[in-house]
Amino acid sequence: MDKCKDHFHGINIKLTKCSGITPLLRMIERARDLGLSVMIGCMNESTVGSAAVAHLLPFIDYVDMDGPLLLTRRTLATGIQYDYGKIMYSDAPGLGISLYRFVSEVSVVL
């Protein structure tokens, strides 16, 4: 970021590509120190990854977290839900994720 700070207005972070939440938070902090805006984007994030991103919304300026909507099978887990552009959080602890285990065509909550 230091080398590019004078050439861009902001950064676009991908949670999966930056190795997780801790490096992502470091990147946000450094971007803020440099006066850059922050976007978190995705392409093929599952509901699990998007739930993690949803919990970081207060720290960022822009978000693209429609990854689960682009996947053929979106029922790998519960967590967040989408309601016409509004993010609905789960009441479950942590990220609010409940993973499903697939047995043939039947999903079972673990």
PDB file of N, CA and C in Angstrom:
ATOM      1  N   MET A   1       0.813  -1.194   0.000  1.00  0.00           N
ATOM      2  CA  MET A   1       0.000   0.000   0.000  1.00  0.00           C
ATOM      3  C   MET A   1       0.852   1.252   0.000  1.00  0.00           C
ATOM      4  N   ASP A   2       1.966   1.205   0.715  1.00  0.00           N
ATOM      5  CA  ASP A   2       2.803   2.398   0.819  1.00  0.00           C
ATOM      6  C   ASP A   2       3.270   2.883  -0.552  1.00  0.00           C
ATOM      7  N   LYS A   3       3.619   1.959  -1.438  1.00  0.00           N
ATOM      8  CA  LYS A   3       4.107   2.337  -2.763  1.00  0.00           C
ATOM      9  C   LYS A   3       2.999   2.893  -3.651  1.00  0.00           C
ATOM     10  N   CYS A   4       1.760   2.498  -3.409  1.00  0.00           N
ATOM     11  CA  CYS A   4       0.641   2.873  -4.279  1.00  0.00           C
ATOM     12  C   CYS A   4      -0.226   3.993  -3.729  1.00  0.00           C
ATOM     13  N   LYS A   5       0.018   4.428  -2.508  1.00  0.00           N
ATOM     14  CA  LYS A   5      -0.897   5.350  -1.827  1.00  0.00           C
ATOM     15  C   LYS A   5      -1.140   6.649  -2.585  1.00  0.00           C
ATOM     16  N   ASP A   6      -0.179   7.115  -3.342  1.00  0.00           N
ATOM     17  CA  ASP A   6      -0.350   8.375  -4.067  1.00  0.00           C
ATOM     18  C   ASP A   6      -1.026   8.198  -5.429  1.00  0.00           C
ATOM     19  N   HIS A   7      -1.354   6.962  -5.783  1.00  0.00           N
ATOM     20  CA  HIS A   7      -1.921   6.683  -7.097  1.00  0.00           C
ATOM     21  C   HIS A   7      -3.369   6.200  -7.045  1.00  0.00           C
ATOM     22  N   PHE A   8      -3.874   5.916  -5.842  1.00  0.00           N
ATOM     23  CA  PHE A   8      -5.227   5.383  -5.694  1.00  0.00           C
ATOM     24  C   PHE A   8      -5.938   6.077  -4.535  1.00  0.00           C
ATOM     25  N   HIS A   9      -7.259   6.046  -4.573  1.00  0.00           N
ATOM     26  CA  HIS A   9      -8.066   6.629  -3.495  1.00  0.00           C
ATOM     27  C   HIS A   9      -8.390   5.611  -2.412  1.00  0.00           C
ATOM     28  N   GLY A  10      -8.260   4.336  -2.750  1.00  0.00           N
ATOM     29  CA  GLY A  10      -8.634   3.316  -1.782  1.00  0.00           C
ATOM     30  C   GLY A  10      -8.131   1.948  -2.180  1.00  0.00           C
ATOM     31  N   ILE A  11      -8.453   0.987  -1.326  1.00  0.00           N
ATOM     32  CA  ILE A  11      -8.066  -0.390  -1.573  1.00  0.00           C
ATOM     33  C   ILE A  11      -9.301  -1.280  -1.571  1.00  0.00           C
ATOM     34  N   ASN A  12      -9.184  -2.428  -2.235  1.00  0.00           N
ATOM     35  CA  ASN A  12     -10.247  -3.433  -2.272  1.00  0.00           C
ATOM     36  C   ASN A  12      -9.647  -4.724  -1.731  1.00  0.00           C
ATOM     37  N   ILE A  13     -10.119  -5.155  -0.563  1.00  0.00           N
ATOM     38  CA  ILE A  13      -9.576  -6.329   0.104  1.00  0.00           C
ATOM     39  C   ILE A  13     -10.504  -7.514  -0.131  1.00  0.00           C
ATOM     40  N   LYS A  14      -9.923  -8.656  -0.402  1.00  0.00           N
ATOM     41  CA  LYS A  14     -10.664  -9.914  -0.503  1.00  0.00           C
ATOM     42  C   LYS A  14     -10.296 -10.754   0.710  1.00  0.00           C
ATOM     43  N   LEU A  15     -11.270 -11.094   1.533  1.00  0.00           N
ATOM     44  CA  LEU A  15     -11.015 -11.842   2.759  1.00  0.00           C
ATOM     45  C   LEU A  15     -10.256 -13.134   2.494  1.00  0.00           C
ATOM     46  N   THR A  16     -10.688 -13.906   1.539  1.00  0.00           N
ATOM     47  CA  THR A  16     -10.051 -15.187   1.243  1.00  0.00           C
ATOM     48  C   THR A  16      -8.619 -15.000   0.754  1.00  0.00           C
ATOM     49  N   LYS A  17      -8.385 -14.012  -0.069  1.00  0.00           N
ATOM     50  CA  LYS A  17      -7.052 -13.817  -0.645  1.00  0.00           C
ATOM     51  C   LYS A  17      -6.047 -13.252   0.352  1.00  0.00           C
ATOM     52  N   CYS A  18      -6.519 -12.568   1.397  1.00  0.00           N
ATOM     53  CA  CYS A  18      -5.560 -11.981   2.344  1.00  0.00           C
ATOM     54  C   CYS A  18      -5.318 -12.887   3.548  1.00  0.00           C
ATOM     55  N   SER A  19      -5.836 -14.089   3.534  1.00  0.00           N
ATOM     56  CA  SER A  19      -5.554 -15.129   4.534  1.00  0.00           C
ATOM     57  C   SER A  19      -6.334 -15.025   5.832  1.00  0.00           C
ATOM     58  N   GLY A  20      -7.382 -14.229   5.877  1.00  0.00           N
ATOM     59  CA  GLY A  20      -8.212 -14.235   7.074  1.00  0.00           C
ATOM     60  C   GLY A  20      -8.484 -12.872   7.676  1.00  0.00           C
ATOM     61  N   ILE A  21      -9.187 -12.896   8.803  1.00  0.00           N
ATOM     62  CA  ILE A  21      -9.655 -11.669   9.435  1.00  0.00           C
ATOM     63  C   ILE A  21      -8.511 -10.848  10.025  1.00  0.00           C
ATOM     64  N   THR A  22      -7.537 -11.479  10.655  1.00  0.00           N
ATOM     65  CA  THR A  22      -6.444 -10.722  11.282  1.00  0.00           C
ATOM     66  C   THR A  22      -5.640  -9.933  10.247  1.00  0.00           C
ATOM     67  N   PRO A  23      -5.181 -10.545   9.144  1.00  0.00           N
ATOM     68  CA  PRO A  23      -4.478  -9.748   8.132  1.00  0.00           C
ATOM     69  C   PRO A  23      -5.388  -8.671   7.522  1.00  0.00           C
ATOM     70  N   LEU A  24      -6.668  -8.986   7.351  1.00  0.00           N
ATOM     71  CA  LEU A  24      -7.604  -8.012   6.803  1.00  0.00           C
ATOM     72  C   LEU A  24      -7.700  -6.794   7.713  1.00  0.00           C
ATOM     73  N   LEU A  25      -7.780  -7.010   9.015  1.00  0.00           N
ATOM     74  CA  LEU A  25      -7.843  -5.889   9.959  1.00  0.00           C
ATOM     75  C   LEU A  25      -6.564  -5.059   9.926  1.00  0.00           C
ATOM     76  N   ARG A  26      -5.421  -5.713   9.753  1.00  0.00           N
ATOM     77  CA  ARG A  26      -4.153  -4.981   9.620  1.00  0.00           C
ATOM     78  C   ARG A  26      -4.152  -4.113   8.359  1.00  0.00           C
ATOM     79  N   MET A  27      -4.702  -4.666   7.276  1.00  0.00           N
ATOM     80  CA  MET A  27      -4.763  -3.913   6.020  1.00  0.00           C
ATOM     81  C   MET A  27      -5.685  -2.708   6.160  1.00  0.00           C
ATOM     82  N   ILE A  28      -6.804  -2.882   6.835  1.00  0.00           N
ATOM     83  CA  ILE A  28      -7.721  -1.757   7.056  1.00  0.00           C
ATOM     84  C   ILE A  28      -7.021  -0.669   7.867  1.00  0.00           C
ATOM     85  N   GLU A  29      -6.330  -1.076   8.921  1.00  0.00           N
ATOM     86  CA  GLU A  29      -5.636  -0.105   9.770  1.00  0.00           C
ATOM     87  C   GLU A  29      -4.579   0.668   8.983  1.00  0.00           C
ATOM     88  N   ARG A  30      -3.816  -0.046   8.166  1.00  0.00           N
ATOM     89  CA  ARG A  30      -2.772   0.631   7.374  1.00  0.00           C
ATOM     90  C   ARG A  30      -3.390   1.561   6.338  1.00  0.00           C
ATOM     91  N   ALA A  31      -4.457   1.127   5.698  1.00  0.00           N
ATOM     92  CA  ALA A  31      -5.138   1.978   4.722  1.00  0.00           C
ATOM     93  C   ALA A  31      -5.635   3.255   5.385  1.00  0.00           C
ATOM     94  N   ARG A  32      -6.195   3.144   6.565  1.00  0.00           N
ATOM     95  CA  ARG A  32      -6.673   4.329   7.301  1.00  0.00           C
ATOM     96  C   ARG A  32      -5.507   5.260   7.638  1.00  0.00           C
ATOM     97  N   ASP A  33      -4.376   4.681   8.050  1.00  0.00           N
ATOM     98  CA  ASP A  33      -3.190   5.491   8.350  1.00  0.00           C
ATOM     99  C   ASP A  33      -2.735   6.280   7.131  1.00  0.00           C
ATOM    100  N   LEU A  34      -2.932   5.704   5.949  1.00  0.00           N
ATOM    101  CA  LEU A  34      -2.517   6.348   4.695  1.00  0.00           C
ATOM    102  C   LEU A  34      -3.611   7.237   4.097  1.00  0.00           C
ATOM    103  N   GLY A  35      -4.762   7.296   4.746  1.00  0.00           N
ATOM    104  CA  GLY A  35      -5.853   8.140   4.250  1.00  0.00           C
ATOM    105  C   GLY A  35      -6.619   7.538   3.087  1.00  0.00           C
ATOM    106  N   LEU A  36      -6.590   6.220   2.953  1.00  0.00           N
ATOM    107  CA  LEU A  36      -7.268   5.535   1.852  1.00  0.00           C
ATOM    108  C   LEU A  36      -8.630   5.013   2.289  1.00  0.00           C
ATOM    109  N   SER A  37      -9.574   4.997   1.371  1.00  0.00           N
ATOM    110  CA  SER A  37     -10.863   4.368   1.656  1.00  0.00           C
ATOM    111  C   SER A  37     -10.712   2.857   1.524  1.00  0.00           C
ATOM    112  N   VAL A  38     -11.666   2.133   2.102  1.00  0.00           N
ATOM    113  CA  VAL A  38     -11.566   0.673   2.162  1.00  0.00           C
ATOM    114  C   VAL A  38     -12.846   0.035   1.639  1.00  0.00           C
ATOM    115  N   MET A  39     -12.668  -0.938   0.746  1.00  0.00           N
ATOM    116  CA  MET A  39     -13.761  -1.761   0.248  1.00  0.00           C
ATOM    117  C   MET A  39     -13.384  -3.217   0.500  1.00  0.00           C
ATOM    118  N   ILE A  40     -14.363  -4.010   0.888  1.00  0.00           N
ATOM    119  CA  ILE A  40     -14.157  -5.449   0.944  1.00  0.00           C
ATOM    120  C   ILE A  40     -15.015  -6.047  -0.152  1.00  0.00           C
ATOM    121  N   GLY A  41     -14.387  -6.800  -1.021  1.00  0.00           N
ATOM    122  CA  GLY A  41     -15.082  -7.408  -2.139  1.00  0.00           C
ATOM    123  C   GLY A  41     -15.012  -8.913  -2.074  1.00  0.00           C
ATOM    124  N   CYS A  42     -15.768  -9.549  -2.936  1.00  0.00           N
ATOM    125  CA  CYS A  42     -15.749 -11.000  -3.011  1.00  0.00           C
ATOM    126  C   CYS A  42     -16.196 -11.425  -4.392  1.00  0.00           C
ATOM    127  N   MET A  43     -16.043 -12.690  -4.677  1.00  0.00           N
ATOM    128  CA  MET A  43     -16.567 -13.252  -5.908  1.00  0.00           C
ATOM    129  C   MET A  43     -17.254 -14.556  -5.587  1.00  0.00           C
ATOM    130  N   ASN A  44     -16.529 -15.461  -4.978  1.00  0.00           N
ATOM    131  CA  ASN A  44     -17.124 -16.766  -4.707  1.00  0.00           C
ATOM    132  C   ASN A  44     -17.116 -17.088  -3.208  1.00  0.00           C
ATOM    133  N   GLU A  45     -17.233 -16.076  -2.379  1.00  0.00           N
ATOM    134  CA  GLU A  45     -17.321 -16.313  -0.938  1.00  0.00           C
ATOM    135  C   GLU A  45     -18.614 -17.063  -0.645  1.00  0.00           C
ATOM    136  N   SER A  46     -18.522 -17.995   0.258  1.00  0.00           N
ATOM    137  CA  SER A  46     -19.712 -18.713   0.697  1.00  0.00           C
ATOM    138  C   SER A  46     -20.437 -17.875   1.745  1.00  0.00           C
ATOM    139  N   THR A  47     -21.501 -18.410   2.274  1.00  0.00           N
ATOM    140  CA  THR A  47     -22.203 -17.751   3.370  1.00  0.00           C
ATOM    141  C   THR A  47     -21.273 -17.570   4.561  1.00  0.00           C
ATOM    142  N   VAL A  48     -20.366 -18.508   4.779  1.00  0.00           N
ATOM    143  CA  VAL A  48     -19.424 -18.429   5.896  1.00  0.00           C
ATOM    144  C   VAL A  48     -18.517 -17.208   5.734  1.00  0.00           C
ATOM    145  N   GLY A  49     -17.885 -17.066   4.580  1.00  0.00           N
ATOM    146  CA  GLY A  49     -17.013 -15.916   4.331  1.00  0.00           C
ATOM    147  C   GLY A  49     -17.767 -14.606   4.359  1.00  0.00           C
ATOM    148  N   SER A  50     -18.953 -14.592   3.808  1.00  0.00           N
ATOM    149  CA  SER A  50     -19.744 -13.362   3.797  1.00  0.00           C
ATOM    150  C   SER A  50     -20.227 -12.990   5.189  1.00  0.00           C
ATOM    151  N   ALA A  51     -20.480 -13.978   6.038  1.00  0.00           N
ATOM    152  CA  ALA A  51     -20.852 -13.684   7.425  1.00  0.00           C
ATOM    153  C   ALA A  51     -19.698 -12.997   8.140  1.00  0.00           C
ATOM    154  N   ALA A  52     -18.477 -13.447   7.872  1.00  0.00           N
ATOM    155  CA  ALA A  52     -17.307 -12.804   8.469  1.00  0.00           C
ATOM    156  C   ALA A  52     -17.180 -11.367   7.977  1.00  0.00           C
ATOM    157  N   VAL A  53     -17.360 -11.159   6.681  1.00  0.00           N
ATOM    158  CA  VAL A  53     -17.300  -9.807   6.119  1.00  0.00           C
ATOM    159  C   VAL A  53     -18.395  -8.927   6.716  1.00  0.00           C
ATOM    160  N   ALA A  54     -19.581  -9.472   6.891  1.00  0.00           N
ATOM    161  CA  ALA A  54     -20.701  -8.692   7.424  1.00  0.00           C
ATOM    162  C   ALA A  54     -20.382  -8.130   8.805  1.00  0.00           C
ATOM    163  N   HIS A  55     -19.623  -8.860   9.581  1.00  0.00           N
ATOM    164  CA  HIS A  55     -19.281  -8.382  10.918  1.00  0.00           C
ATOM    165  C   HIS A  55     -18.207  -7.293  10.893  1.00  0.00           C
ATOM    166  N   LEU A  56     -17.611  -7.049   9.750  1.00  0.00           N
ATOM    167  CA  LEU A  56     -16.605  -6.001   9.602  1.00  0.00           C
ATOM    168  C   LEU A  56     -17.168  -4.724   8.976  1.00  0.00           C
ATOM    169  N   LEU A  57     -18.453  -4.708   8.654  1.00  0.00           N
ATOM    170  CA  LEU A  57     -19.047  -3.561   7.971  1.00  0.00           C
ATOM    171  C   LEU A  57     -18.799  -2.221   8.664  1.00  0.00           C
ATOM    172  N   PRO A  58     -18.803  -2.139   9.991  1.00  0.00           N
ATOM    173  CA  PRO A  58     -18.549  -0.830  10.620  1.00  0.00           C
ATOM    174  C   PRO A  58     -17.159  -0.255  10.346  1.00  0.00           C
ATOM    175  N   PHE A  59     -16.219  -1.093   9.902  1.00  0.00           N
ATOM    176  CA  PHE A  59     -14.845  -0.649   9.692  1.00  0.00           C
ATOM    177  C   PHE A  59     -14.539  -0.256   8.252  1.00  0.00           C
ATOM    178  N   ILE A  60     -15.493  -0.426   7.341  1.00  0.00           N
ATOM    179  CA  ILE A  60     -15.197  -0.222   5.922  1.00  0.00           C
ATOM    180  C   ILE A  60     -16.137   0.808   5.301  1.00  0.00           C
ATOM    181  N   ASP A  61     -15.753   1.282   4.116  1.00  0.00           N
ATOM    182  CA  ASP A  61     -16.535   2.295   3.415  1.00  0.00           C
ATOM    183  C   ASP A  61     -17.481   1.690   2.383  1.00  0.00           C
ATOM    184  N   TYR A  62     -17.041   0.645   1.711  1.00  0.00           N
ATOM    185  CA  TYR A  62     -17.817   0.024   0.634  1.00  0.00           C
ATOM    186  C   TYR A  62     -17.729  -1.494   0.776  1.00  0.00           C
ATOM    187  N   VAL A  63     -18.781  -2.179   0.336  1.00  0.00           N
ATOM    188  CA  VAL A  63     -18.766  -3.633   0.426  1.00  0.00           C
ATOM    189  C   VAL A  63     -19.408  -4.249  -0.814  1.00  0.00           C
ATOM    190  N   ASP A  64     -18.855  -5.371  -1.220  1.00  0.00           N
ATOM    191  CA  ASP A  64     -19.432  -6.216  -2.265  1.00  0.00           C
ATOM    192  C   ASP A  64     -19.447  -7.614  -1.673  1.00  0.00           C
ATOM    193  N   MET A  65     -20.584  -8.037  -1.168  1.00  0.00           N
ATOM    194  CA  MET A  65     -20.644  -9.355  -0.522  1.00  0.00           C
ATOM    195  C   MET A  65     -21.800 -10.178  -1.059  1.00  0.00           C
ATOM    196  N   ASP A  66     -21.917 -10.169  -2.392  1.00  0.00           N
ATOM    197  CA  ASP A  66     -22.979 -10.949  -3.021  1.00  0.00           C
ATOM    198  C   ASP A  66     -22.503 -12.325  -3.471  1.00  0.00           C
ATOM    199  N   GLY A  67     -21.335 -12.740  -3.034  1.00  0.00           N
ATOM    200  CA  GLY A  67     -20.771 -14.029  -3.435  1.00  0.00           C
ATOM    201  C   GLY A  67     -21.721 -15.198  -3.269  1.00  0.00           C
ATOM    202  N   PRO A  68     -22.372 -15.357  -2.104  1.00  0.00           N
ATOM    203  CA  PRO A  68     -23.283 -16.494  -1.943  1.00  0.00           C
ATOM    204  C   PRO A  68     -24.441 -16.483  -2.937  1.00  0.00           C
ATOM    205  N   LEU A  69     -24.826 -15.306  -3.392  1.00  0.00           N
ATOM    206  CA  LEU A  69     -25.926 -15.220  -4.351  1.00  0.00           C
ATOM    207  C   LEU A  69     -25.512 -15.710  -5.730  1.00  0.00           C
ATOM    208  N   LEU A  70     -24.209 -15.777  -5.979  1.00  0.00           N
ATOM    209  CA  LEU A  70     -23.698 -16.221  -7.271  1.00  0.00           C
ATOM    210  C   LEU A  70     -23.411 -17.720  -7.313  1.00  0.00           C
ATOM    211  N   LEU A  71     -23.450 -18.381  -6.159  1.00  0.00           N
ATOM    212  CA  LEU A  71     -23.151 -19.808  -6.094  1.00  0.00           C
ATOM    213  C   LEU A  71     -24.378 -20.648  -6.416  1.00  0.00           C
ATOM    214  N   THR A  72     -24.162 -21.766  -7.059  1.00  0.00           N
ATOM    215  CA  THR A  72     -25.254 -22.668  -7.395  1.00  0.00           C
ATOM    216  C   THR A  72     -25.885 -23.249  -6.138  1.00  0.00           C
ATOM    217  N   ARG A  73     -25.053 -23.711  -5.223  1.00  0.00           N
ATOM    218  CA  ARG A  73     -25.549 -24.285  -3.967  1.00  0.00           C
ATOM    219  C   ARG A  73     -25.193 -23.318  -2.838  1.00  0.00           C
ATOM    220  N   ARG A  74     -26.202 -22.623  -2.347  1.00  0.00           N
ATOM    221  CA  ARG A  74     -25.978 -21.623  -1.313  1.00  0.00           C
ATOM    222  C   ARG A  74     -26.272 -22.147   0.083  1.00  0.00           C
ATOM    223  N   THR A  75     -26.635 -23.370   0.215  1.00  0.00           N
ATOM    224  CA  THR A  75     -27.088 -23.875   1.503  1.00  0.00           C
ATOM    225  C   THR A  75     -26.003 -24.643   2.248  1.00  0.00           C
ATOM    226  N   LEU A  76     -24.756 -24.214   2.162  1.00  0.00           N
ATOM    227  CA  LEU A  76     -23.679 -24.856   2.901  1.00  0.00           C
ATOM    228  C   LEU A  76     -23.756 -24.513   4.385  1.00  0.00           C
ATOM    229  N   ALA A  77     -24.328 -23.367   4.673  1.00  0.00           N
ATOM    230  CA  ALA A  77     -24.420 -22.916   6.055  1.00  0.00           C
ATOM    231  C   ALA A  77     -25.470 -21.829   6.168  1.00  0.00           C
ATOM    232  N   THR A  78     -25.923 -21.636   7.381  1.00  0.00           N
ATOM    233  CA  THR A  78     -26.750 -20.472   7.667  1.00  0.00           C
ATOM    234  C   THR A  78     -25.834 -19.434   8.300  1.00  0.00           C
ATOM    235  N   GLY A  79     -26.267 -18.260   8.402  1.00  0.00           N
ATOM    236  CA  GLY A  79     -25.461 -17.194   8.997  1.00  0.00           C
ATOM    237  C   GLY A  79     -26.138 -15.877   8.702  1.00  0.00           C
ATOM    238  N   ILE A  80     -25.737 -15.258   7.607  1.00  0.00           N
ATOM    239  CA  ILE A  80     -26.419 -14.034   7.193  1.00  0.00           C
ATOM    240  C   ILE A  80     -27.469 -14.372   6.149  1.00  0.00           C
ATOM    241  N   GLN A  81     -28.414 -13.480   6.010  1.00  0.00           N
ATOM    242  CA  GLN A  81     -29.413 -13.585   4.959  1.00  0.00           C
ATOM    243  C   GLN A  81     -29.505 -12.239   4.262  1.00  0.00           C
ATOM    244  N   TYR A  82     -29.942 -12.266   3.034  1.00  0.00           N
ATOM    245  CA  TYR A  82     -30.086 -11.055   2.242  1.00  0.00           C
ATOM    246  C   TYR A  82     -31.573 -10.749   2.078  1.00  0.00           C
ATOM    247  N   ASP A  83     -31.923  -9.505   2.307  1.00  0.00           N
ATOM    248  CA  ASP A  83     -33.313  -9.076   2.149  1.00  0.00           C
ATOM    249  C   ASP A  83     -33.324  -7.805   1.312  1.00  0.00           C
ATOM    250  N   TYR A  84     -33.331  -7.973  -0.024  1.00  0.00           N
ATOM    251  CA  TYR A  84     -33.348  -6.857  -0.959  1.00  0.00           C
ATOM    252  C   TYR A  84     -32.266  -5.825  -0.637  1.00  0.00           C
ATOM    253  N   GLY A  85     -31.030  -6.294  -0.489  1.00  0.00           N
ATOM    254  CA  GLY A  85     -29.891  -5.418  -0.247  1.00  0.00           C
ATOM    255  C   GLY A  85     -29.590  -5.166   1.222  1.00  0.00           C
ATOM    256  N   LYS A  86     -30.441  -5.595   2.095  1.00  0.00           N
ATOM    257  CA  LYS A  86     -30.216  -5.436   3.531  1.00  0.00           C
ATOM    258  C   LYS A  86     -29.644  -6.740   4.078  1.00  0.00           C
ATOM    259  N   ILE A  87     -28.624  -6.642   4.913  1.00  0.00           N
ATOM    260  CA  ILE A  87     -27.993  -7.812   5.508  1.00  0.00           C
ATOM    261  C   ILE A  87     -28.676  -8.116   6.827  1.00  0.00           C
ATOM    262  N   MET A  88     -29.120  -9.350   6.972  1.00  0.00           N
ATOM    263  CA  MET A  88     -29.782  -9.793   8.196  1.00  0.00           C
ATOM    264  C   MET A  88     -28.828 -10.725   8.940  1.00  0.00           C
ATOM    265  N   TYR A  89     -28.442 -10.349  10.153  1.00  0.00           N
ATOM    266  CA  TYR A  89     -27.524 -11.149  10.963  1.00  0.00           C
ATOM    267  C   TYR A  89     -28.276 -12.242  11.711  1.00  0.00           C
ATOM    268  N   SER A  90     -27.571 -13.320  12.002  1.00  0.00           N
ATOM    269  CA  SER A  90     -28.107 -14.403  12.810  1.00  0.00           C
ATOM    270  C   SER A  90     -28.007 -14.024  14.285  1.00  0.00           C
ATOM    271  N   ASP A  91     -28.864 -14.601  15.103  1.00  0.00           N
ATOM    272  CA  ASP A  91     -28.792 -14.394  16.549  1.00  0.00           C
ATOM    273  C   ASP A  91     -27.838 -15.382  17.221  1.00  0.00           C
ATOM    274  N   ALA A  92     -27.294 -16.311  16.475  1.00  0.00           N
ATOM    275  CA  ALA A  92     -26.376 -17.314  17.031  1.00  0.00           C
ATOM    276  C   ALA A  92     -25.059 -16.651  17.439  1.00  0.00           C
ATOM    277  N   PRO A  93     -24.331 -17.238  18.364  1.00  0.00           N
ATOM    278  CA  PRO A  93     -23.067 -16.638  18.818  1.00  0.00           C
ATOM    279  C   PRO A  93     -21.994 -16.620  17.739  1.00  0.00           C
ATOM    280  N   GLY A  94     -20.959 -15.826  17.963  1.00  0.00           N
ATOM    281  CA  GLY A  94     -19.849 -15.718  17.017  1.00  0.00           C
ATOM    282  C   GLY A  94     -20.303 -15.096  15.716  1.00  0.00           C
ATOM    283  N   LEU A  95     -19.931 -15.710  14.617  1.00  0.00           N
ATOM    284  CA  LEU A  95     -20.356 -15.219  13.312  1.00  0.00           C
ATOM    285  C   LEU A  95     -21.787 -15.619  12.979  1.00  0.00           C
ATOM    286  N   GLY A  96     -22.407 -16.409  13.841  1.00  0.00           N
ATOM    287  CA  GLY A  96     -23.788 -16.822  13.621  1.00  0.00           C
ATOM    288  C   GLY A  96     -23.940 -17.913  12.586  1.00  0.00           C
ATOM    289  N   ILE A  97     -22.903 -18.706  12.426  1.00  0.00           N
ATOM    290  CA  ILE A  97     -22.885 -19.721  11.373  1.00  0.00           C
ATOM    291  C   ILE A  97     -23.305 -21.078  11.926  1.00  0.00           C
ATOM    292  N   SER A  98     -24.159 -21.757  11.191  1.00  0.00           N
ATOM    293  CA  SER A  98     -24.483 -23.157  11.439  1.00  0.00           C
ATOM    294  C   SER A  98     -24.217 -23.887  10.132  1.00  0.00           C
ATOM    295  N   LEU A  99     -23.272 -24.826  10.161  1.00  0.00           N
ATOM    296  CA  LEU A  99     -22.919 -25.569   8.952  1.00  0.00           C
ATOM    297  C   LEU A  99     -23.886 -26.725   8.740  1.00  0.00           C
ATOM    298  N   TYR A 100     -24.131 -27.039   7.485  1.00  0.00           N
ATOM    299  CA  TYR A 100     -24.944 -28.188   7.129  1.00  0.00           C
ATOM    300  C   TYR A 100     -24.029 -29.317   6.681  1.00  0.00           C
ATOM    301  N   ARG A 101     -24.417 -30.522   6.983  1.00  0.00           N
ATOM    302  CA  ARG A 101     -23.731 -31.706   6.482  1.00  0.00           C
ATOM    303  C   ARG A 101     -24.691 -32.360   5.497  1.00  0.00           C
ATOM    304  N   PHE A 102     -24.214 -32.610   4.289  1.00  0.00           N
ATOM    305  CA  PHE A 102     -25.085 -33.170   3.265  1.00  0.00           C
ATOM    306  C   PHE A 102     -24.985 -34.670   3.227  1.00  0.00           C
ATOM    307  N   VAL A 103     -26.117 -35.315   3.330  1.00  0.00           N
ATOM    308  CA  VAL A 103     -26.220 -36.771   3.198  1.00  0.00           C
ATOM    309  C   VAL A 103     -27.183 -36.982   2.043  1.00  0.00           C
ATOM    310  N   SER A 104     -26.664 -37.444   0.922  1.00  0.00           N
ATOM    311  CA  SER A 104     -27.426 -37.536  -0.330  1.00  0.00           C
ATOM    312  C   SER A 104     -27.996 -36.160  -0.626  1.00  0.00           C
ATOM    313  N   GLU A 105     -29.287 -36.018  -0.702  1.00  0.00           N
ATOM    314  CA  GLU A 105     -29.926 -34.741  -0.981  1.00  0.00           C
ATOM    315  C   GLU A 105     -30.554 -34.125   0.252  1.00  0.00           C
ATOM    316  N   VAL A 106     -30.288 -34.687   1.404  1.00  0.00           N
ATOM    317  CA  VAL A 106     -30.859 -34.180   2.651  1.00  0.00           C
ATOM    318  C   VAL A 106     -29.794 -33.446   3.431  1.00  0.00           C
ATOM    319  N   SER A 107     -30.072 -32.239   3.897  1.00  0.00           N
ATOM    320  CA  SER A 107     -29.089 -31.498   4.682  1.00  0.00           C
ATOM    321  C   SER A 107     -29.465 -31.610   6.159  1.00  0.00           C
ATOM    322  N   VAL A 108     -28.443 -31.755   6.979  1.00  0.00           N
ATOM    323  CA  VAL A 108     -28.628 -31.914   8.412  1.00  0.00           C
ATOM    324  C   VAL A 108     -27.825 -30.853   9.120  1.00  0.00           C
ATOM    325  N   VAL A 109     -28.419 -30.111  10.018  1.00  0.00           N
ATOM    326  CA  VAL A 109     -27.680 -29.099  10.772  1.00  0.00           C
ATOM    327  C   VAL A 109     -26.796 -29.791  11.775  1.00  0.00           C
ATOM    328  N   LEU A 110     -25.514 -29.433  11.785  1.00  0.00           N
ATOM    329  CA  LEU A 110     -24.569 -30.010  12.751  1.00  0.00           C
ATOM    330  C   LEU A 110     -24.598 -29.214  14.039  1.00  0.00           C
TER     331      LEU A 110
END
